C-alpha atoms as a PDB file:
ATOM      1  CA  UNK A   1      93.622  62.142  82.801  1.00  0.00           C
ATOM      2  CA  UNK A   2      92.675  63.923  86.060  1.00  0.00           C
ATOM      3  CA  UNK A   3      95.554  66.117  87.200  1.00  0.00           C
ATOM      4  CA  UNK A   4      94.209  67.695  90.389  1.00  0.00           C
ATOM      5  CA  UNK A   5      91.330  69.632  91.869  1.00  0.00           C
ATOM      6  CA  UNK A   6      89.937  72.666  90.013  1.00  0.00           C
ATOM      7  CA  UNK A   7      87.320  73.720  92.544  1.00  0.00           C
ATOM      8  CA  UNK A   8      85.286  72.609  95.527  1.00  0.00           C
ATOM      9  CA  UNK A   9      82.234  74.315  97.035  1.00  0.00           C
ATOM     10  CA  UNK A  10      81.000  74.224 100.616  1.00  0.00           C
ATOM     11  CA  UNK A  11      77.856  75.559 102.273  1.00  0.00           C
ATOM     12  CA  UNK A  12      78.592  77.681 105.350  1.00  0.00           C
ATOM     13  CA  UNK A  13      76.353  79.141 108.031  1.00  0.00           C
ATOM     14  CA  UNK A  14      78.463  82.242 108.710  1.00  0.00           C
ATOM     15  CA  UNK A  15      80.507  83.518 105.772  1.00  0.00           C
ATOM     16  CA  UNK A  16      82.632  85.998 107.726  1.00  0.00           C
ATOM     17  CA  UNK A  17      83.593  83.382 110.316  1.00  0.00           C
ATOM     18  CA  UNK A  18      84.402  80.898 107.541  1.00  0.00           C
ATOM     19  CA  UNK A  19      86.526  83.484 105.730  1.00  0.00           C
ATOM     20  CA  UNK A  20      88.513  84.044 108.923  1.00  0.00           C
ATOM     21  CA  UNK A  21      89.033  80.274 109.277  1.00  0.00           C
ATOM     22  CA  UNK A  22      90.390  79.771 105.753  1.00  0.00           C
ATOM     23  CA  UNK A  23      92.617  82.849 106.086  1.00  0.00           C
ATOM     24  CA  UNK A  24      94.136  81.083 109.115  1.00  0.00           C
ATOM     25  CA  UNK A  25      95.145  78.334 106.676  1.00  0.00           C
ATOM     26  CA  UNK A  26      96.962  81.018 104.631  1.00  0.00           C
ATOM     27  CA  UNK A  27      94.586  80.732 101.672  1.00  0.00           C
ATOM     28  CA  UNK A  28      94.260  83.920  99.618  1.00  0.00           C
ATOM     29  CA  UNK A  29      90.788  85.425  99.273  1.00  0.00           C
ATOM     30  CA  UNK A  30      90.125  85.770  95.533  1.00  0.00           C
ATOM     31  CA  UNK A  31      86.544  87.103  95.478  1.00  0.00           C
ATOM     32  CA  UNK A  32      83.844  87.994  97.989  1.00  0.00           C
ATOM     33  CA  UNK A  33      80.221  89.167  97.972  1.00  0.00           C
ATOM     34  CA  UNK A  34      77.712  89.299 100.835  1.00  0.00           C
ATOM     35  CA  UNK A  35      77.021  85.546 100.581  1.00  0.00           C
ATOM     36  CA  UNK A  36      79.875  84.017  98.539  1.00  0.00           C
ATOM     37  CA  UNK A  37      83.651  83.844  98.903  1.00  0.00           C
ATOM     38  CA  UNK A  38      86.300  82.154  96.781  1.00  0.00           C
ATOM     39  CA  UNK A  39      89.782  81.294  98.026  1.00  0.00           C
ATOM     40  CA  UNK A  40      92.719  80.317  95.873  1.00  0.00           C
ATOM     41  CA  UNK A  41      93.992  76.868  96.744  1.00  0.00           C
ATOM     42  CA  UNK A  42      96.670  77.197  94.046  1.00  0.00           C
ATOM     43  CA  UNK A  43      96.511  80.675  92.511  1.00  0.00           C
ATOM     44  CA  UNK A  44      95.233  80.609  88.958  1.00  0.00           C
ATOM     45  CA  UNK A  45      94.635  76.853  89.056  1.00  0.00           C
ATOM     46  CA  UNK A  46      92.190  75.821  91.790  1.00  0.00           C
ATOM     47  CA  UNK A  47      89.897  77.362  94.340  1.00  0.00           C
ATOM     48  CA  UNK A  48      87.440  76.801  97.145  1.00  0.00           C
ATOM     49  CA  UNK A  49      83.985  78.366  97.048  1.00  0.00           C
ATOM     50  CA  UNK A  50      82.069  79.145 100.253  1.00  0.00           C
ATOM     51  CA  UNK A  51      78.318  79.769  99.986  1.00  0.00           C
ATOM     52  CA  UNK A  52      76.452  81.199 102.966  1.00  0.00           C
ATOM     53  CA  UNK A  53      73.133  79.424 103.468  1.00  0.00           C
ATOM     54  CA  UNK A  54      70.774  78.356 106.216  1.00  0.00           C
ATOM     55  CA  UNK A  55      70.850  74.800 104.816  1.00  0.00           C
ATOM     56  CA  UNK A  56      73.973  73.565 106.614  1.00  0.00           C
ATOM     57  CA  UNK A  57      72.521  71.728 109.602  1.00  0.00           C
ATOM     58  CA  UNK A  58      72.953  68.252 108.116  1.00  0.00           C
ATOM     59  CA  UNK A  59      74.693  65.882 110.570  1.00  0.00           C
ATOM     60  CA  UNK A  60      78.383  65.604 109.690  1.00  0.00           C
ATOM     61  CA  UNK A  61      79.607  62.716 107.613  1.00  0.00           C
ATOM     62  CA  UNK A  62      82.967  62.545 105.846  1.00  0.00           C
ATOM     63  CA  UNK A  63      81.231  62.237 102.450  1.00  0.00           C
ATOM     64  CA  UNK A  64      79.593  65.652 102.945  1.00  0.00           C
ATOM     65  CA  UNK A  65      81.443  68.969 103.059  1.00  0.00           C
ATOM     66  CA  UNK A  66      84.781  67.243 102.617  1.00  0.00           C
ATOM     67  CA  UNK A  67      87.811  68.907 101.062  1.00  0.00           C
ATOM     68  CA  UNK A  68      91.335  67.493 101.198  1.00  0.00           C
ATOM     69  CA  UNK A  69      94.247  69.798 100.450  1.00  0.00           C
ATOM     70  CA  UNK A  70      97.363  68.360  98.858  1.00  0.00           C
ATOM     71  CA  UNK A  71     100.561  69.238 100.742  1.00  0.00           C
ATOM     72  CA  UNK A  72     104.195  68.296 100.292  1.00  0.00           C
ATOM     73  CA  UNK A  73     105.161  64.987 101.871  1.00  0.00           C
ATOM     74  CA  UNK A  74     107.896  66.717 103.875  1.00  0.00           C
ATOM     75  CA  UNK A  75     105.238  68.887 105.583  1.00  0.00           C
ATOM     76  CA  UNK A  76     103.059  65.949 106.690  1.00  0.00           C
ATOM     77  CA  UNK A  77     104.733  65.458 110.051  1.00  0.00           C
ATOM     78  CA  UNK A  78     104.475  69.178 110.869  1.00  0.00           C
ATOM     79  CA  UNK A  79     100.848  69.679 109.733  1.00  0.00           C
ATOM     80  CA  UNK A  80      99.227  69.021 113.120  1.00  0.00           C
ATOM     81  CA  UNK A  81     101.596  71.373 114.968  1.00  0.00           C
ATOM     82  CA  UNK A  82     101.173  74.083 112.280  1.00  0.00           C
ATOM     83  CA  UNK A  83      97.372  73.931 112.574  1.00  0.00           C
ATOM     84  CA  UNK A  84      97.426  73.949 116.371  1.00  0.00           C
ATOM     85  CA  UNK A  85      99.723  77.007 116.331  1.00  0.00           C
ATOM     86  CA  UNK A  86      97.026  78.755 114.296  1.00  0.00           C
ATOM     87  CA  UNK A  87      94.415  77.879 116.939  1.00  0.00           C
ATOM     88  CA  UNK A  88      92.742  75.189 114.831  1.00  0.00           C
ATOM     89  CA  UNK A  89      91.641  72.066 116.691  1.00  0.00           C
ATOM     90  CA  UNK A  90      92.880  68.852 115.124  1.00  0.00           C
ATOM     91  CA  UNK A  91      91.001  65.681 115.965  1.00  0.00           C
ATOM     92  CA  UNK A  92      91.777  62.062 115.250  1.00  0.00           C
ATOM     93  CA  UNK A  93      89.681  60.107 112.812  1.00  0.00           C
ATOM     94  CA  UNK A  94      88.515  56.544 112.432  1.00  0.00           C
ATOM     95  CA  UNK A  95      89.197  55.787 116.112  1.00  0.00           C
ATOM     96  CA  UNK A  96      92.977  55.473 115.709  1.00  0.00           C
ATOM     97  CA  UNK A  97      95.121  56.496 118.699  1.00  0.00           C
ATOM     98  CA  UNK A  98      97.267  59.611 118.025  1.00  0.00           C
ATOM     99  CA  UNK A  99     100.517  57.613 117.638  1.00  0.00           C
ATOM    100  CA  UNK A 100      98.932  55.513 114.852  1.00  0.00           C
ATOM    101  CA  UNK A 101      96.865  58.264 113.268  1.00  0.00           C
ATOM    102  CA  UNK A 102      96.891  58.088 109.457  1.00  0.00           C
ATOM    103  CA  UNK A 103      97.940  61.177 107.504  1.00  0.00           C
ATOM    104  CA  UNK A 104      94.355  62.369 107.342  1.00  0.00           C
ATOM    105  CA  UNK A 105      93.320  65.092 109.738  1.00  0.00           C
ATOM    106  CA  UNK A 106      89.775  66.243 110.385  1.00  0.00           C
ATOM    107  CA  UNK A 107      89.586  69.975 110.984  1.00  0.00           C
ATOM    108  CA  UNK A 108      86.692  71.468 112.865  1.00  0.00           C
ATOM    109  CA  UNK A 109      86.065  75.113 113.553  1.00  0.00           C
ATOM    110  CA  UNK A 110      86.153  75.692 117.319  1.00  0.00           C
ATOM    111  CA  UNK A 111      82.685  76.048 118.870  1.00  0.00           C
ATOM    112  CA  UNK A 112      81.892  79.599 119.897  1.00  0.00           C
END
């Protein structure tokens, strides 16, 4: 019955910085106000909503603020290099060493 993701929404502390981050991932900005932005994940089918708020200081846990983007299997092996070329830090998850890292990457905005 479920065919994919229609939308996901994330709270963000700094909307303009978050917009810049998702543009680095080549997502197209669909709509923006002073406190809200929507990016197409798949144009006309699914999108990501960003909501600027001061209520984002919850300690990170994978079950919160988690979005996984579907990519083609053939692009899996190149994903880490592609992200690093865009200046996005890629970290390992679950304590696996890099050579045994599962195909799940945790992206974090660089600290500034």
